[in-house]
Amino acid sequence: MAEPRRWFDPSQPQTLQGAVMLCYATAALSLLWILFGAFPLVISLGLAPAGYGVANELRWGYWLGIVIAGLTSLILLLVVVESGFSGIIINLAFMVVLVALFLHPQSREYQRIWFK
């Protein structure tokens, strides 16, 4: 029998729980930005499946989250540095926090042991 799928796993460490919630929130906000035509960063929509993968302890979700959060951080950093547009510094901060949550030693150890 297949185990049930979930959107959030309260048995995971706090760092991964925070990463899952931040993935969902960022993806939802990115979708709203795209719908209203403001600075769309389409790549951030990939954080929703990443959060779902992490909540279900799937290794691909963990790595997808790291790649997308890192890539988004890099893009936002380049926009801030090149254009001096400081309106997205908060977005950059959230992406850096997301990368830090994924790369925290507690998260890495948990995914190394338990993820499939």
C-alpha atoms as a PDB file:
ATOM      1  CA  MET A   1       0.000   0.000   0.000  1.00  0.00           C
ATOM      2  CA  ALA A   2       1.345   3.408  -0.939  1.00  0.00           C
ATOM      3  CA  GLU A   3       1.863   5.892   1.814  1.00  0.00           C
ATOM      4  CA  PRO A   4      -0.356   8.984   1.746  1.00  0.00           C
ATOM      5  CA  ARG A   5       0.989  12.164   0.204  1.00  0.00           C
ATOM      6  CA  ARG A   6       1.045  15.339   2.242  1.00  0.00           C
ATOM      7  CA  TRP A   7       1.555  19.055   1.740  1.00  0.00           C
ATOM      8  CA  PHE A   8       3.388  19.539   5.038  1.00  0.00           C
ATOM      9  CA  ASP A   9       5.213  17.133   7.348  1.00  0.00           C
ATOM     10  CA  PRO A  10       5.310  18.231  10.998  1.00  0.00           C
ATOM     11  CA  SER A  11       7.745  15.428  11.871  1.00  0.00           C
ATOM     12  CA  GLN A  12      10.570  17.002   9.855  1.00  0.00           C
ATOM     13  CA  PRO A  13      13.140  19.317  11.459  1.00  0.00           C
ATOM     14  CA  GLN A  14      12.209  22.987  11.860  1.00  0.00           C
ATOM     15  CA  THR A  15      14.581  24.006   9.117  1.00  0.00           C
ATOM     16  CA  LEU A  16      12.851  21.824   6.536  1.00  0.00           C
ATOM     17  CA  GLN A  17       9.399  22.810   7.790  1.00  0.00           C
ATOM     18  CA  GLY A  18      10.343  26.459   7.345  1.00  0.00           C
ATOM     19  CA  ALA A  19      11.764  25.752   3.904  1.00  0.00           C
ATOM     20  CA  VAL A  20       8.554  24.016   2.791  1.00  0.00           C
ATOM     21  CA  MET A  21       6.373  26.885   4.019  1.00  0.00           C
ATOM     22  CA  LEU A  22       8.651  29.471   2.404  1.00  0.00           C
ATOM     23  CA  CYS A  23       8.630  27.514  -0.873  1.00  0.00           C
ATOM     24  CA  TYR A  24       4.843  27.539  -0.976  1.00  0.00           C
ATOM     25  CA  ALA A  25       4.603  31.216   0.007  1.00  0.00           C
ATOM     26  CA  THR A  26       7.180  32.292  -2.579  1.00  0.00           C
ATOM     27  CA  ALA A  27       5.516  30.295  -5.343  1.00  0.00           C
ATOM     28  CA  ALA A  28       2.105  31.766  -4.464  1.00  0.00           C
ATOM     29  CA  LEU A  29       3.483  35.317  -4.436  1.00  0.00           C
ATOM     30  CA  SER A  30       5.267  34.718  -7.728  1.00  0.00           C
ATOM     31  CA  LEU A  31       2.010  33.543  -9.255  1.00  0.00           C
ATOM     32  CA  LEU A  32       0.279  36.703  -8.025  1.00  0.00           C
ATOM     33  CA  TRP A  33       3.079  38.847  -9.460  1.00  0.00           C
ATOM     34  CA  ILE A  34       2.719  37.143 -12.817  1.00  0.00           C
ATOM     35  CA  LEU A  35      -1.064  37.547 -12.795  1.00  0.00           C
ATOM     36  CA  PHE A  36      -0.806  41.267 -12.032  1.00  0.00           C
ATOM     37  CA  GLY A  37       2.103  41.859 -14.420  1.00  0.00           C
ATOM     38  CA  ALA A  38       4.704  43.003 -11.912  1.00  0.00           C
ATOM     39  CA  PHE A  39       8.341  41.809 -12.293  1.00  0.00           C
ATOM     40  CA  PRO A  40       7.600  38.171 -13.059  1.00  0.00           C
ATOM     41  CA  LEU A  41      10.195  35.658 -11.978  1.00  0.00           C
ATOM     42  CA  VAL A  42       8.675  32.542 -13.510  1.00  0.00           C
ATOM     43  CA  ILE A  43      11.412  30.271 -12.191  1.00  0.00           C
ATOM     44  CA  SER A  44      10.120  30.807  -8.645  1.00  0.00           C
ATOM     45  CA  LEU A  45       6.965  28.884  -9.517  1.00  0.00           C
ATOM     46  CA  GLY A  46       9.133  25.754  -9.394  1.00  0.00           C
ATOM     47  CA  LEU A  47       9.369  26.146  -5.635  1.00  0.00           C
ATOM     48  CA  ALA A  48       5.832  24.741  -5.235  1.00  0.00           C
ATOM     49  CA  PRO A  49       6.759  21.258  -6.517  1.00  0.00           C
ATOM     50  CA  ALA A  50      10.022  21.505  -4.587  1.00  0.00           C
ATOM     51  CA  GLY A  51       8.124  22.145  -1.350  1.00  0.00           C
ATOM     52  CA  TYR A  52       5.765  19.274  -2.109  1.00  0.00           C
ATOM     53  CA  GLY A  53       8.738  16.983  -2.769  1.00  0.00           C
ATOM     54  CA  VAL A  54      10.425  17.956   0.492  1.00  0.00           C
ATOM     55  CA  ALA A  55       7.171  17.495   2.446  1.00  0.00           C
ATOM     56  CA  ASN A  56       6.992  13.950   1.046  1.00  0.00           C
ATOM     57  CA  GLU A  57      10.688  13.281   1.739  1.00  0.00           C
ATOM     58  CA  LEU A  58      11.710  13.000  -1.893  1.00  0.00           C
ATOM     59  CA  ARG A  59      15.324  13.768  -2.681  1.00  0.00           C
ATOM     60  CA  TRP A  60      14.510  15.448  -6.015  1.00  0.00           C
ATOM     61  CA  GLY A  61      12.343  17.997  -4.171  1.00  0.00           C
ATOM     62  CA  TYR A  62      15.229  18.891  -1.880  1.00  0.00           C
ATOM     63  CA  TRP A  63      17.655  19.406  -4.763  1.00  0.00           C
ATOM     64  CA  LEU A  64      15.079  21.234  -6.878  1.00  0.00           C
ATOM     65  CA  GLY A  65      14.505  23.637  -3.994  1.00  0.00           C
ATOM     66  CA  ILE A  66      18.219  24.315  -3.607  1.00  0.00           C
ATOM     67  CA  VAL A  67      18.738  24.874  -7.341  1.00  0.00           C
ATOM     68  CA  ILE A  68      15.735  27.151  -7.826  1.00  0.00           C
ATOM     69  CA  ALA A  69      16.333  29.166  -4.655  1.00  0.00           C
ATOM     70  CA  GLY A  70      20.023  29.552  -5.506  1.00  0.00           C
ATOM     71  CA  LEU A  71      19.333  30.511  -9.106  1.00  0.00           C
ATOM     72  CA  THR A  72      16.639  32.993  -8.085  1.00  0.00           C
ATOM     73  CA  SER A  73      18.995  34.495  -5.492  1.00  0.00           C
ATOM     74  CA  LEU A  74      21.673  34.917  -8.118  1.00  0.00           C
ATOM     75  CA  ILE A  75      19.274  36.547 -10.589  1.00  0.00           C
ATOM     76  CA  LEU A  76      17.919  38.939  -7.964  1.00  0.00           C
ATOM     77  CA  LEU A  77      21.433  39.804  -6.800  1.00  0.00           C
ATOM     78  CA  LEU A  78      22.475  40.583 -10.370  1.00  0.00           C
ATOM     79  CA  VAL A  79      19.407  42.804 -10.852  1.00  0.00           C
ATOM     80  CA  VAL A  80      20.184  44.704  -7.648  1.00  0.00           C
ATOM     81  CA  VAL A  81      23.869  45.132  -8.505  1.00  0.00           C
ATOM     82  CA  GLU A  82      23.443  45.985 -12.189  1.00  0.00           C
ATOM     83  CA  SER A  83      20.429  48.278 -12.081  1.00  0.00           C
ATOM     84  CA  GLY A  84      20.572  49.519  -8.515  1.00  0.00           C
ATOM     85  CA  PHE A  85      16.888  48.602  -8.162  1.00  0.00           C
ATOM     86  CA  SER A  86      16.555  48.204  -4.407  1.00  0.00           C
ATOM     87  CA  GLY A  87      12.851  47.314  -4.434  1.00  0.00           C
ATOM     88  CA  ILE A  88      13.600  43.605  -4.590  1.00  0.00           C
ATOM     89  CA  ILE A  89      16.059  43.399  -1.715  1.00  0.00           C
ATOM     90  CA  ILE A  90      13.383  41.829   0.504  1.00  0.00           C
ATOM     91  CA  ASN A  91      12.785  39.153  -2.138  1.00  0.00           C
ATOM     92  CA  LEU A  92      16.518  38.556  -2.278  1.00  0.00           C
ATOM     93  CA  ALA A  93      16.636  38.219   1.509  1.00  0.00           C
ATOM     94  CA  PHE A  94      13.854  35.618   1.475  1.00  0.00           C
ATOM     95  CA  MET A  95      15.638  33.600  -1.207  1.00  0.00           C
ATOM     96  CA  VAL A  96      18.903  33.698   0.742  1.00  0.00           C
ATOM     97  CA  VAL A  97      17.040  32.534   3.859  1.00  0.00           C
ATOM     98  CA  LEU A  98      15.494  29.704   1.824  1.00  0.00           C
ATOM     99  CA  VAL A  99      18.916  28.588   0.590  1.00  0.00           C
ATOM    100  CA  ALA A 100      20.209  28.755   4.171  1.00  0.00           C
ATOM    101  CA  LEU A 101      17.298  26.638   5.423  1.00  0.00           C
ATOM    102  CA  PHE A 102      17.946  23.993   2.791  1.00  0.00           C
ATOM    103  CA  LEU A 103      21.704  23.954   3.389  1.00  0.00           C
ATOM    104  CA  HIS A 104      21.510  23.998   7.189  1.00  0.00           C
ATOM    105  CA  PRO A 105      23.364  21.004   8.667  1.00  0.00           C
ATOM    106  CA  GLN A 106      20.160  19.710  10.284  1.00  0.00           C
ATOM    107  CA  SER A 107      18.338  19.749   6.926  1.00  0.00           C
ATOM    108  CA  ARG A 108      21.211  18.128   5.072  1.00  0.00           C
ATOM    109  CA  GLU A 109      21.573  15.383   7.654  1.00  0.00           C
ATOM    110  CA  TYR A 110      17.834  14.652   7.704  1.00  0.00           C
ATOM    111  CA  GLN A 111      17.551  14.446   3.918  1.00  0.00           C
ATOM    112  CA  ARG A 112      20.676  12.297   3.701  1.00  0.00           C
ATOM    113  CA  ILE A 113      19.188   9.755   6.107  1.00  0.00           C
ATOM    114  CA  TRP A 114      15.444   9.795   5.410  1.00  0.00           C
ATOM    115  CA  PHE A 115      14.771  11.046   1.888  1.00  0.00           C
ATOM    116  CA  LYS A 116      14.159   8.554  -0.925  1.00  0.00           C
END
